[in-house]
Amino acid sequence: MRGLTMEYQLTLPAMLRRAEALYGPKEIVTRCPDKSFHRYTYRDFVRRTKKLSVALRALGVRPGDRVATLGWNTYQHLEAYFGIPCAEGVLHTINPRLSADDIAYIIKHAEDRVLMVDETLLDLLDGFRDRVELDHTIVFTHGGGAPEGMLDYERLVEEADEGAFSYPEPDEWDAAAMCYTSGTTGRPKGVLYSHRSICLHSISLGMSDMLGIAERDSVLPVVPMFHVNAWGIPFVSTLVGAKQVLPGPHLDPKSLLEDFEQERVTITAGVPTVFLGVLRELDASPGAHDLSAMRAIVIGGSAAPEGMIRAYQERHGLNVVHAWGMTEMDPVGSVCNLRSWMDDLSEDEKYRIRAKQGPPAAFIEFRARGAVDLVPWDGKTMGELEVRGPWVASSYFNTEEGKDKFTEDGWFRTGDIVTIDENGYIEIQDRSKDLIKSGGEWISSVALENAIMSHDAVAEAAVIAIPDPKWQERPLAVVVLKEGRSATAEEIISHIAPHFPKWQLPDAVEFVEAIPHTATGKFLKMALREQFKDYSVAKSQ
């Protein structure tokens, strides 16, 4: 027997319609390239989004056509987030930090018909324009005009007839957005999100045990809108009518702190490297910034060291919340908030839990598989995390590559090596490709990195495997020191020694000026492994 409920479609047009009806006076703020502030309301946002949708249809965008964007976190990009799906196209955000070769490959593979690009990123086009075929290039302009042969976004929106807009009614299973993986193992692969998956993901993020984003919040996503849809934050913020503060291209610590303070930001989110920089700025000028409105700094993308979580809390009274996810998960899969029965734990025990990645979101399921079978939820036994749920990819777009990442019974193999404790909290031990296999045992590079970065003199630390004739692989620590600080290899090892068995400690520490990062801000360990492929501990001593 079927239930007698309406077959209401979960779609982005329905989300925009809600924003139009309920949140007209709320503010959306953007930091422009010249550092001035652009301010308008949700009412303005909806009106311009409708006009964008009309303009795209007039340019020939049809249902299912992919429209690519190369843009920062701005009000214009936010309009594209909804205007493209409301034209029944597919929003395809592209990371401008990728190589020209990767951008060209992604545009061709996705078969993008239109490209929308911020005028500050126009130079990127020289690297790939002659290798792709596009019907139109639209420029997000900031007071100037578009180059010859391109369309000016502002003029396009201004001239469109809002009266020609009507809310479409796509099927909730239709594609609404697309992102490509970073391609650290093979070519980038496309992940295609449905309207339904984005809506359910947004509802989940709004839950109090997740990010708890609500109408009264002032939300600043540091995570770029070109990176997995800014973790879905623009969508959930629009769903609930939160004030949105968009930092544009200004992601340096001083600019972010100005934004946090001036706009009374209550929740922000980004990768650890950004917030390590913010922490250093706060430490350098204690009490200089009023961040009393801030209730959560959400960190994901890679593990936030426990020492960093402690530093924010104990030195600045700021709450760091750990999150985890993947491009294949739209992307958030877990958020680490403490459960009620953990209130009586010691502060050290609470910090230890907060350094984990947390329990699965509603309707997301976790399990971990060891060499033979699923591992127990004992917080000790490591295995590869497998996930399933309503916003988890079921396959990659237009490719056979990656089919082995999906199990026969419908779970996705994440490639993350984890433990799962009795409360269902996962703790990422490593990526499977980064795990150090020494003498038949596994060593977590992530655990070592987090411990090393708790040293007062350390700015960043990455741990990689180096070949060893006896043990197969051994850990090497690559460390960047804070400006004006010093430490020896012996001091680094002594600092972490109480927390690890002796055989897990790095065999050596190499100090470098900088650690290479991926386009999404993670450590580029592939480059480090190439740099130190012939490394010999004996020669280094």
Protein backbone atom coordinates (compact mmCIF):
# COMPACT_ATOMS: atom_id res chain seq x y z
CA MET A 1 0.00 0.00 0.00
CA ARG A 2 1.40 3.42 -0.98
CA GLY A 3 1.18 6.36 1.38
CA LEU A 4 -1.21 9.17 0.53
CA THR A 5 1.25 12.07 0.36
CA MET A 6 1.86 14.57 -2.39
CA GLU A 7 4.57 13.81 -4.93
CA TYR A 8 6.30 17.13 -4.27
CA GLN A 9 9.55 17.45 -6.21
CA LEU A 10 12.73 18.36 -4.31
CA THR A 11 14.34 20.83 -6.72
CA LEU A 12 16.45 23.98 -6.78
CA PRO A 13 13.62 26.02 -8.37
CA ALA A 14 11.49 25.10 -5.34
CA MET A 15 14.34 26.27 -3.08
CA LEU A 16 14.57 29.60 -4.94
CA ARG A 17 10.78 30.02 -4.81
CA ARG A 18 10.96 29.63 -1.02
CA ALA A 19 13.69 32.26 -0.78
CA GLU A 20 11.59 34.65 -2.86
CA ALA A 21 8.53 34.18 -0.66
CA LEU A 22 10.19 34.28 2.77
CA TYR A 23 13.58 36.02 2.86
CA GLY A 24 13.28 39.16 0.71
CA PRO A 25 14.87 41.64 3.18
CA LYS A 26 17.85 39.44 4.14
CA GLU A 27 21.30 40.60 3.05
CA ILE A 28 23.92 39.05 0.78
CA VAL A 29 27.36 40.66 0.97
CA THR A 30 30.31 40.22 -1.42
CA ARG A 31 33.91 41.42 -1.08
CA CYS A 32 34.71 42.75 -4.55
CA PRO A 33 38.13 42.51 -6.26
CA ASP A 34 38.94 46.10 -5.20
CA LYS A 35 38.05 45.11 -1.59
CA SER A 36 34.90 47.23 -1.55
CA PHE A 37 31.64 45.59 -0.45
CA HIS A 38 28.68 44.86 -2.68
CA ARG A 39 25.44 44.56 -0.75
CA TYR A 40 21.98 43.57 -1.85
CA THR A 41 19.04 41.54 -0.59
CA TYR A 42 17.57 38.14 -1.31
CA ARG A 43 14.84 40.01 -3.17
CA ASP A 44 17.49 41.44 -5.54
CA PHE A 45 19.19 38.06 -5.77
CA VAL A 46 16.01 36.26 -6.83
CA ARG A 47 15.10 38.94 -9.37
CA ARG A 48 18.53 38.81 -11.02
CA THR A 49 18.61 35.01 -10.90
CA LYS A 50 15.33 34.87 -12.80
CA LYS A 51 16.71 37.26 -15.41
CA LEU A 52 19.87 35.16 -15.75
CA SER A 53 17.74 32.09 -16.35
CA VAL A 54 15.80 33.91 -19.09
CA ALA A 55 19.06 35.10 -20.67
CA LEU A 56 20.57 31.61 -20.71
CA ARG A 57 17.51 30.17 -22.41
CA ALA A 58 17.70 32.96 -25.01
CA LEU A 59 21.33 31.95 -25.65
CA GLY A 60 20.18 28.44 -26.47
CA VAL A 61 20.74 26.60 -23.19
CA ARG A 62 18.41 23.61 -23.15
CA PRO A 63 17.54 21.04 -20.48
CA GLY A 64 20.61 19.03 -19.55
CA ASP A 65 23.15 21.40 -21.17
CA ARG A 66 26.22 21.92 -19.06
CA VAL A 67 27.15 25.52 -18.17
CA ALA A 68 30.63 25.85 -16.68
CA THR A 69 31.78 28.50 -14.20
CA LEU A 70 35.24 29.77 -13.27
CA GLY A 71 34.50 32.13 -10.42
CA TRP A 72 35.11 33.19 -6.83
CA ASN A 73 32.61 33.35 -3.99
CA THR A 74 30.51 36.27 -5.24
CA TYR A 75 26.88 37.27 -5.63
CA GLN A 76 27.16 36.74 -9.39
CA HIS A 77 28.38 33.17 -8.90
CA LEU A 78 25.54 32.61 -6.41
CA GLU A 79 23.07 33.76 -9.07
CA ALA A 80 24.60 31.21 -11.45
CA TYR A 81 24.16 28.50 -8.78
CA PHE A 82 20.40 28.90 -9.16
CA GLY A 83 19.97 30.58 -12.52
CA ILE A 84 21.56 27.72 -14.44
CA PRO A 85 19.38 24.97 -12.86
CA CYS A 86 16.33 27.24 -13.24
CA ALA A 87 17.10 27.29 -16.98
CA GLU A 88 17.16 23.49 -16.57
CA GLY A 89 20.87 23.47 -17.37
CA VAL A 90 23.54 21.79 -15.26
CA LEU A 91 25.77 23.99 -13.11
CA HIS A 92 29.39 22.87 -13.64
CA THR A 93 31.86 24.60 -11.34
CA ILE A 94 35.53 24.31 -12.36
CA ASN A 95 38.52 24.92 -10.11
CA PRO A 96 40.61 27.77 -11.63
CA ARG A 97 43.66 26.51 -9.73
CA LEU A 98 43.83 23.40 -11.92
CA SER A 99 46.30 23.24 -14.78
CA ALA A 100 45.21 24.47 -18.22
CA ASP A 101 45.45 20.87 -19.45
CA ASP A 102 43.06 19.66 -16.77
CA ILE A 103 40.61 22.53 -17.37
CA ALA A 104 40.59 21.83 -21.11
CA TYR A 105 40.06 18.11 -20.49
CA ILE A 106 37.22 18.75 -18.04
CA ILE A 107 35.38 21.19 -20.32
CA LYS A 108 35.64 18.80 -23.26
CA HIS A 109 34.70 15.73 -21.24
CA ALA A 110 31.69 17.46 -19.68
CA GLU A 111 30.70 18.82 -23.12
CA ASP A 112 30.13 22.29 -21.66
CA ARG A 113 28.29 24.64 -24.02
CA VAL A 114 28.70 27.91 -22.11
CA LEU A 115 31.48 29.19 -19.84
CA MET A 116 30.96 31.88 -17.22
CA VAL A 117 34.25 33.37 -16.00
CA ASP A 118 35.18 36.09 -13.52
CA GLU A 119 37.01 38.97 -15.18
CA THR A 120 39.89 38.55 -12.70
CA LEU A 121 40.44 35.06 -14.15
CA LEU A 122 40.36 35.96 -17.85
CA ASP A 123 44.08 35.28 -18.26
CA LEU A 124 43.37 31.60 -17.61
CA LEU A 125 41.53 31.39 -20.92
CA ASP A 126 44.78 31.80 -22.84
CA GLY A 127 45.88 28.38 -21.62
CA PHE A 128 42.96 26.38 -22.99
CA ARG A 129 40.64 28.51 -25.18
CA ASP A 130 41.94 27.11 -28.48
CA ARG A 131 41.38 23.54 -27.27
CA VAL A 132 37.69 23.75 -26.38
CA GLU A 133 34.50 24.48 -28.30
CA LEU A 134 32.03 26.75 -26.53
CA ASP A 135 28.91 28.46 -27.82
CA HIS A 136 29.33 31.46 -25.50
CA THR A 137 31.73 32.89 -22.92
CA ILE A 138 30.10 35.16 -20.32
CA VAL A 139 32.24 37.41 -18.12
CA PHE A 140 31.35 38.28 -14.52
CA THR A 141 32.31 41.95 -14.83
CA HIS A 142 33.06 44.38 -11.98
CA GLY A 143 32.45 47.79 -13.49
CA GLY A 144 34.28 47.23 -16.76
CA GLY A 145 33.18 45.53 -19.95
CA ALA A 146 33.73 42.10 -21.45
CA PRO A 147 36.47 41.58 -24.05
CA GLU A 148 35.47 41.44 -27.70
CA GLY A 149 33.74 38.20 -28.61
CA MET A 150 32.52 37.62 -25.03
CA LEU A 151 29.29 38.55 -23.29
CA ASP A 152 29.07 40.99 -20.38
CA TYR A 153 27.23 39.27 -17.52
CA GLU A 154 25.82 42.51 -16.10
CA ARG A 155 24.48 43.66 -19.45
CA LEU A 156 23.06 40.20 -20.11
CA VAL A 157 21.15 40.24 -16.82
CA GLU A 158 20.06 43.88 -17.17
CA GLU A 159 18.57 43.36 -20.63
CA ALA A 160 16.74 40.11 -19.85
CA ASP A 161 12.96 40.25 -19.36
CA GLU A 162 12.05 39.03 -15.87
CA GLY A 163 8.43 38.74 -17.03
CA ALA A 164 9.48 35.93 -19.38
CA PHE A 165 10.53 33.78 -16.42
CA SER A 166 8.42 30.98 -15.05
CA TYR A 167 9.55 28.46 -12.48
CA PRO A 168 10.41 25.20 -14.27
CA GLU A 169 9.32 21.87 -12.86
CA PRO A 170 12.19 19.46 -13.47
CA ASP A 171 12.09 15.93 -12.14
CA GLU A 172 13.96 15.79 -8.83
CA TRP A 173 16.16 13.05 -10.26
CA ASP A 174 17.32 15.30 -13.11
CA ALA A 175 20.92 16.54 -13.03
CA ALA A 176 21.34 19.97 -11.41
CA ALA A 177 25.09 20.32 -10.83
CA MET A 178 28.38 18.69 -11.67
CA CYS A 179 31.86 18.69 -10.12
CA TYR A 180 35.03 16.88 -11.14
CA THR A 181 37.40 15.14 -8.76
CA SER A 182 40.88 16.61 -8.38
CA GLY A 183 42.41 13.81 -10.44
CA THR A 184 45.17 12.84 -8.00
CA THR A 185 44.80 9.25 -9.23
CA GLY A 186 44.23 9.28 -12.98
CA ARG A 187 42.15 11.77 -14.94
CA PRO A 188 39.56 13.97 -13.14
CA LYS A 189 36.21 12.22 -13.00
CA GLY A 190 32.79 13.87 -13.17
CA VAL A 191 30.22 13.52 -10.39
CA LEU A 192 26.68 14.47 -11.38
CA TYR A 193 24.35 15.66 -8.62
CA SER A 194 20.57 15.52 -8.91
CA HIS A 195 18.17 18.18 -7.64
CA ARG A 196 17.02 15.65 -5.07
CA SER A 197 20.52 14.94 -3.76
CA ILE A 198 21.31 18.66 -3.34
CA CYS A 199 18.03 19.34 -1.55
CA LEU A 200 18.44 16.41 0.86
CA HIS A 201 22.08 17.36 1.48
CA SER A 202 20.96 20.93 2.26
CA ILE A 203 18.28 19.78 4.69
CA SER A 204 20.86 17.57 6.40
CA LEU A 205 23.40 20.40 6.77
CA GLY A 206 20.74 22.51 8.44
CA MET A 207 20.20 19.95 11.21
CA SER A 208 21.50 21.01 14.63
CA ASP A 209 23.77 17.98 14.92
CA MET A 210 25.34 18.90 11.57
CA LEU A 211 26.16 22.56 10.80
CA GLY A 212 22.89 23.84 12.18
CA ILE A 213 22.73 26.73 9.70
CA ALA A 214 19.61 28.80 10.33
CA GLU A 215 17.99 32.09 9.26
CA ARG A 216 19.69 34.05 12.07
CA ASP A 217 23.17 32.96 10.98
CA SER A 218 25.70 35.05 9.09
CA VAL A 219 27.58 32.51 6.99
CA LEU A 220 30.96 32.99 5.29
CA PRO A 221 32.20 30.00 3.26
CA VAL A 222 35.95 30.30 2.87
CA VAL A 223 35.80 27.05 0.93
CA PRO A 224 35.49 28.23 -2.68
CA MET A 225 32.29 27.93 -4.66
CA PHE A 226 34.38 26.20 -7.34
CA HIS A 227 35.26 23.41 -4.88
CA VAL A 228 32.43 20.87 -4.50
CA ASN A 229 29.82 23.64 -4.47
CA ALA A 230 31.43 25.28 -1.41
CA TRP A 231 30.46 22.14 0.53
CA GLY A 232 26.79 22.91 -0.25
CA ILE A 233 26.82 25.97 2.03
CA PRO A 234 25.33 28.40 -0.55
CA PHE A 235 22.43 26.00 -1.08
CA VAL A 236 21.59 25.43 2.59
CA SER A 237 22.04 29.16 3.35
CA THR A 238 19.52 30.00 0.61
CA LEU A 239 17.15 27.28 1.82
CA VAL A 240 17.00 28.73 5.35
CA GLY A 241 17.51 32.41 4.47
CA ALA A 242 20.79 32.96 6.30
CA LYS A 243 22.82 36.10 5.63
CA GLN A 244 25.53 35.16 3.13
CA VAL A 245 28.95 36.79 3.26
CA LEU A 246 31.01 35.98 0.16
CA PRO A 247 34.74 36.85 0.40
CA GLY A 248 35.46 37.04 -3.34
CA PRO A 249 39.13 36.43 -4.18
CA HIS A 250 40.35 37.75 -0.79
CA LEU A 251 41.14 34.66 1.26
CA ASP A 252 44.15 36.00 3.16
CA PRO A 253 43.86 35.95 6.98
CA LYS A 254 43.65 39.72 7.43
CA SER A 255 40.82 40.10 4.91
CA LEU A 256 38.92 37.17 6.37
CA LEU A 257 39.23 38.51 9.90
CA GLU A 258 37.94 41.89 8.71
CA ASP A 259 34.95 40.14 7.15
CA PHE A 260 34.30 37.98 10.22
CA GLU A 261 34.29 41.02 12.49
CA GLN A 262 32.47 43.54 10.32
CA GLU A 263 29.69 41.19 9.17
CA ARG A 264 29.28 39.50 12.56
CA VAL A 265 29.89 36.09 10.99
CA THR A 266 28.51 33.22 13.08
CA ILE A 267 29.78 30.25 11.05
CA THR A 268 32.59 29.83 8.54
CA ALA A 269 34.14 26.83 6.82
CA GLY A 270 37.28 25.88 4.95
CA VAL A 271 40.41 23.73 4.79
CA PRO A 272 43.02 23.56 7.60
CA THR A 273 45.72 25.49 5.70
CA VAL A 274 43.53 28.61 5.56
CA PHE A 275 42.63 28.47 9.23
CA LEU A 276 46.19 27.78 10.30
CA GLY A 277 46.98 31.14 8.70
CA VAL A 278 44.05 32.78 10.49
CA LEU A 279 45.26 31.27 13.78
CA ARG A 280 48.73 32.71 13.27
CA GLU A 281 47.20 36.14 12.63
CA LEU A 282 45.08 35.90 15.80
CA ASP A 283 48.10 34.80 17.82
CA ALA A 284 50.12 37.73 16.49
CA SER A 285 47.49 40.27 17.59
CA PRO A 286 45.56 38.83 20.57
CA GLY A 287 42.37 40.73 21.36
CA ALA A 288 42.55 42.81 18.18
CA HIS A 289 39.49 41.20 16.58
CA ASP A 290 35.98 40.93 17.99
CA LEU A 291 34.84 37.46 16.94
CA SER A 292 32.27 37.10 19.69
CA ALA A 293 29.53 36.33 17.14
CA MET A 294 31.39 33.27 15.81
CA ARG A 295 29.86 30.00 17.00
CA ALA A 296 31.68 27.55 14.72
CA ILE A 297 34.71 27.30 12.46
CA VAL A 298 34.07 24.22 10.34
CA ILE A 299 37.22 22.55 9.04
CA GLY A 300 37.34 19.78 6.44
CA GLY A 301 39.20 18.76 3.31
CA SER A 302 41.92 17.21 5.44
CA ALA A 303 42.27 16.55 9.15
CA ALA A 304 42.44 19.45 11.59
CA PRO A 305 45.16 18.66 14.15
CA GLU A 306 43.98 18.36 17.74
CA GLY A 307 46.56 21.01 18.65
CA MET A 308 44.89 23.45 16.28
CA ILE A 309 41.44 22.73 17.76
CA ARG A 310 42.88 23.33 21.25
CA ALA A 311 44.66 26.53 20.20
CA TYR A 312 41.51 28.13 18.81
CA GLN A 313 39.47 27.15 21.88
CA GLU A 314 41.98 27.87 24.63
CA ARG A 315 43.69 30.96 23.24
CA HIS A 316 40.77 32.62 21.45
CA GLY A 317 37.54 31.03 22.73
CA LEU A 318 36.62 29.82 19.23
CA ASN A 319 34.93 26.50 18.50
CA VAL A 320 36.43 24.36 15.72
CA VAL A 321 34.10 21.70 14.32
CA HIS A 322 35.51 18.87 12.24
CA ALA A 323 33.73 17.71 9.08
CA TRP A 324 34.45 15.11 6.41
CA GLY A 325 33.25 14.42 2.92
CA MET A 326 34.14 13.83 -0.72
CA THR A 327 33.27 15.12 -4.17
CA GLU A 328 31.39 11.84 -4.61
CA MET A 329 29.22 12.76 -1.60
CA ASP A 330 27.95 16.20 -2.60
CA PRO A 331 30.20 16.47 -0.38
CA VAL A 332 29.51 16.37 3.41
CA GLY A 333 29.26 12.92 4.98
CA SER A 334 29.89 13.63 8.67
CA VAL A 335 30.24 16.46 11.18
CA CYS A 336 31.87 15.96 14.56
CA ASN A 337 29.66 17.39 17.27
CA LEU A 338 29.74 15.85 20.74
CA ARG A 339 26.80 13.76 21.94
CA SER A 340 24.94 14.54 25.17
CA TRP A 341 26.41 11.56 27.01
CA MET A 342 29.90 12.97 26.40
CA ASP A 343 29.30 16.08 28.52
CA ASP A 344 30.88 14.55 31.62
CA LEU A 345 34.11 13.52 29.86
CA SER A 346 37.35 15.26 30.72
CA GLU A 347 38.48 18.13 28.51
CA ASP A 348 41.29 15.98 27.12
CA GLU A 349 38.81 13.24 26.20
CA LYS A 350 36.53 15.77 24.52
CA TYR A 351 39.40 17.17 22.45
CA ARG A 352 40.35 13.66 21.44
CA ILE A 353 36.82 13.06 20.11
CA ARG A 354 36.62 16.48 18.45
CA ALA A 355 39.74 15.59 16.45
CA LYS A 356 37.76 12.77 14.82
CA GLN A 357 35.60 13.32 11.76
CA GLY A 358 32.35 12.38 13.50
CA PRO A 359 29.31 10.15 12.94
CA PRO A 360 27.48 9.84 9.61
CA ALA A 361 24.92 12.42 8.57
CA ALA A 362 21.25 11.44 8.57
CA PHE A 363 20.61 8.72 5.96
CA ILE A 364 24.34 8.29 5.30
CA GLU A 365 25.69 4.89 6.34
CA PHE A 366 29.29 3.97 7.17
CA ARG A 367 31.17 0.71 7.28
CA ALA A 368 34.89 -0.12 7.00
CA ARG A 369 36.45 -3.11 5.29
CA GLY A 370 39.73 -4.69 6.30
CA ALA A 371 41.86 -7.11 4.31
CA VAL A 372 39.33 -9.94 4.80
CA ASP A 373 36.00 -8.58 6.05
CA LEU A 374 34.24 -5.64 7.68
CA VAL A 375 36.06 -4.33 10.76
CA PRO A 376 34.44 -3.93 14.19
CA TRP A 377 33.43 -0.53 15.55
CA ASP A 378 36.07 -0.59 18.26
CA GLY A 379 37.94 2.63 17.49
CA LYS A 380 41.14 0.64 16.88
CA THR A 381 40.82 -1.65 13.87
CA MET A 382 41.58 0.08 10.58
CA GLY A 383 39.78 -0.49 7.31
CA GLU A 384 38.77 1.30 4.13
CA LEU A 385 35.64 3.40 4.65
CA GLU A 386 32.64 2.49 2.50
CA VAL A 387 29.56 4.71 2.35
CA ARG A 388 26.07 4.82 0.90
CA GLY A 389 23.18 7.27 1.04
CA PRO A 390 20.89 9.60 -0.95
CA TRP A 391 23.64 12.03 -1.97
CA VAL A 392 26.40 9.49 -2.67
CA ALA A 393 27.38 8.98 -6.32
CA SER A 394 26.31 5.74 -7.96
CA SER A 395 28.84 6.02 -10.82
CA TYR A 396 31.04 8.57 -12.58
CA PHE A 397 29.90 10.65 -15.54
CA ASN A 398 30.56 9.31 -19.02
CA THR A 399 33.45 6.98 -18.14
CA GLU A 400 34.16 3.39 -17.20
CA GLU A 401 37.10 4.50 -15.07
CA GLY A 402 36.46 4.15 -11.37
CA LYS A 403 33.88 1.36 -11.64
CA ASP A 404 35.94 -0.64 -9.14
CA LYS A 405 35.16 1.99 -6.49
CA PHE A 406 31.57 0.75 -6.26
CA THR A 407 30.86 -2.52 -4.47
CA GLU A 408 28.52 -5.20 -5.77
CA ASP A 409 26.03 -4.43 -3.01
CA GLY A 410 25.91 -0.70 -3.78
CA TRP A 411 28.44 0.97 -1.48
CA PHE A 412 31.13 3.48 -2.51
CA ARG A 413 34.76 2.73 -1.62
CA THR A 414 36.16 6.05 -0.41
CA GLY A 415 39.86 5.17 -0.34
CA ASP A 416 40.05 6.59 3.21
CA ILE A 417 41.49 4.30 5.87
CA VAL A 418 39.56 4.81 9.11
CA THR A 419 38.67 3.46 12.48
CA ILE A 420 35.04 3.61 13.66
CA ASP A 421 34.39 3.81 17.40
CA GLU A 422 31.45 2.43 19.35
CA ASN A 423 29.54 5.71 18.86
CA GLY A 424 29.89 5.54 15.08
CA TYR A 425 32.51 8.30 14.93
CA ILE A 426 35.03 7.80 12.16
CA GLU A 427 38.65 8.86 12.45
CA ILE A 428 40.58 9.18 9.21
CA GLN A 429 43.91 7.42 9.58
CA ASP A 430 45.04 8.00 6.01
CA ARG A 431 44.25 7.80 2.33
CA SER A 432 44.91 4.25 1.16
CA LYS A 433 47.61 5.56 -1.20
CA ASP A 434 49.29 7.54 1.61
CA LEU A 435 49.24 4.85 4.30
CA ILE A 436 52.75 3.78 5.30
CA LYS A 437 53.21 0.02 5.26
CA SER A 438 56.12 -0.86 7.48
CA GLY A 439 57.06 -4.44 8.29
CA GLY A 440 53.54 -5.68 7.62
CA GLU A 441 51.97 -3.01 9.88
CA TRP A 442 50.17 0.20 8.94
CA ILE A 443 51.33 3.61 10.11
CA SER A 444 48.97 6.59 9.82
CA SER A 445 50.65 9.60 8.23
CA VAL A 446 47.70 11.76 9.30
CA ALA A 447 48.15 10.92 12.99
CA LEU A 448 51.86 11.74 12.79
CA GLU A 449 51.21 15.01 10.95
CA ASN A 450 48.63 16.15 13.48
CA ALA A 451 50.97 15.38 16.36
CA ILE A 452 53.90 17.20 14.75
CA MET A 453 51.76 20.27 13.99
CA SER A 454 50.92 20.56 17.69
CA HIS A 455 54.55 21.65 18.24
CA ASP A 456 54.64 25.41 18.86
CA ALA A 457 57.34 26.01 16.23
CA VAL A 458 55.69 24.04 13.41
CA ALA A 459 53.55 25.72 10.75
CA GLU A 460 52.90 22.66 8.56
CA ALA A 461 53.98 19.03 8.45
CA ALA A 462 53.48 16.25 5.94
CA VAL A 463 54.56 12.65 6.45
CA ILE A 464 55.32 10.36 3.52
CA ALA A 465 56.66 6.85 3.02
CA ILE A 466 60.25 6.36 1.92
CA PRO A 467 61.58 3.01 0.69
CA ASP A 468 63.38 0.85 3.24
CA PRO A 469 65.26 -2.38 2.38
CA LYS A 470 64.30 -4.07 5.63
CA TRP A 471 60.83 -2.74 6.48
CA GLN A 472 59.56 -1.97 2.94
CA GLU A 473 58.54 1.59 3.91
CA ARG A 474 59.37 3.99 6.71
CA PRO A 475 57.91 7.43 7.59
CA LEU A 476 59.72 10.67 6.70
CA ALA A 477 58.44 13.94 8.20
CA VAL A 478 58.63 17.05 6.01
CA VAL A 479 58.26 20.17 8.16
CA VAL A 480 57.77 23.91 7.62
CA LEU A 481 58.63 26.02 10.66
CA LYS A 482 56.81 29.17 11.66
CA GLU A 483 58.52 32.40 10.70
CA GLY A 484 61.16 33.30 13.26
CA ARG A 485 60.92 29.97 15.10
CA SER A 486 63.40 27.11 15.26
CA ALA A 487 63.37 23.43 16.16
CA THR A 488 65.60 20.44 15.59
CA ALA A 489 64.64 17.03 14.26
CA GLU A 490 65.35 15.59 17.69
CA GLU A 491 63.00 18.09 19.34
CA ILE A 492 60.22 17.23 16.88
CA ILE A 493 60.59 13.49 17.47
CA SER A 494 60.77 13.96 21.25
CA HIS A 495 57.59 16.04 21.14
CA ILE A 496 55.52 13.26 19.56
CA ALA A 497 57.32 10.24 21.06
CA PRO A 498 54.99 9.86 24.09
CA HIS A 499 52.01 9.34 21.78
CA PHE A 500 53.28 6.61 19.45
CA PRO A 501 55.05 3.25 19.65
CA LYS A 502 58.72 3.70 18.83
CA TRP A 503 58.42 1.80 15.53
CA GLN A 504 55.84 4.30 14.24
CA LEU A 505 58.03 7.38 14.75
CA PRO A 506 59.55 9.01 11.63
CA ASP A 507 63.06 7.88 10.82
CA ALA A 508 64.01 11.44 9.89
CA VAL A 509 62.74 15.01 9.71
CA GLU A 510 63.46 17.26 6.73
CA PHE A 511 62.90 21.01 7.06
CA VAL A 512 61.67 22.82 3.93
CA GLU A 513 60.56 26.35 3.02
CA ALA A 514 57.15 25.20 1.78
CA ILE A 515 55.07 22.07 1.22
CA PRO A 516 53.32 21.85 -2.16
CA HIS A 517 49.53 21.85 -2.07
CA THR A 518 46.86 20.56 -4.41
CA ALA A 519 44.41 22.90 -6.11
CA THR A 520 42.03 22.27 -3.20
CA GLY A 521 44.55 23.11 -0.46
CA LYS A 522 45.58 19.61 0.57
CA PHE A 523 49.19 18.44 0.85
CA LEU A 524 50.44 17.28 -2.55
CA LYS A 525 52.13 14.14 -1.27
CA MET A 526 52.65 12.82 -4.77
CA ALA A 527 55.10 15.70 -5.36
CA LEU A 528 56.81 15.08 -2.02
CA ARG A 529 57.22 11.40 -2.78
CA GLU A 530 58.82 12.31 -6.10
CA GLN A 531 61.08 14.87 -4.40
CA PHE A 532 62.29 12.37 -1.79
CA LYS A 533 62.12 9.17 -3.85
CA ASP A 534 65.87 8.59 -3.52
CA TYR A 535 66.01 9.73 0.09
CA SER A 536 68.36 7.81 2.37
CA VAL A 537 68.16 8.20 6.13
CA ALA A 538 71.82 7.23 6.43
CA LYS A 539 72.91 9.96 4.01
CA SER A 540 70.81 12.57 5.77
CA GLN A 541 72.48 12.04 9.12
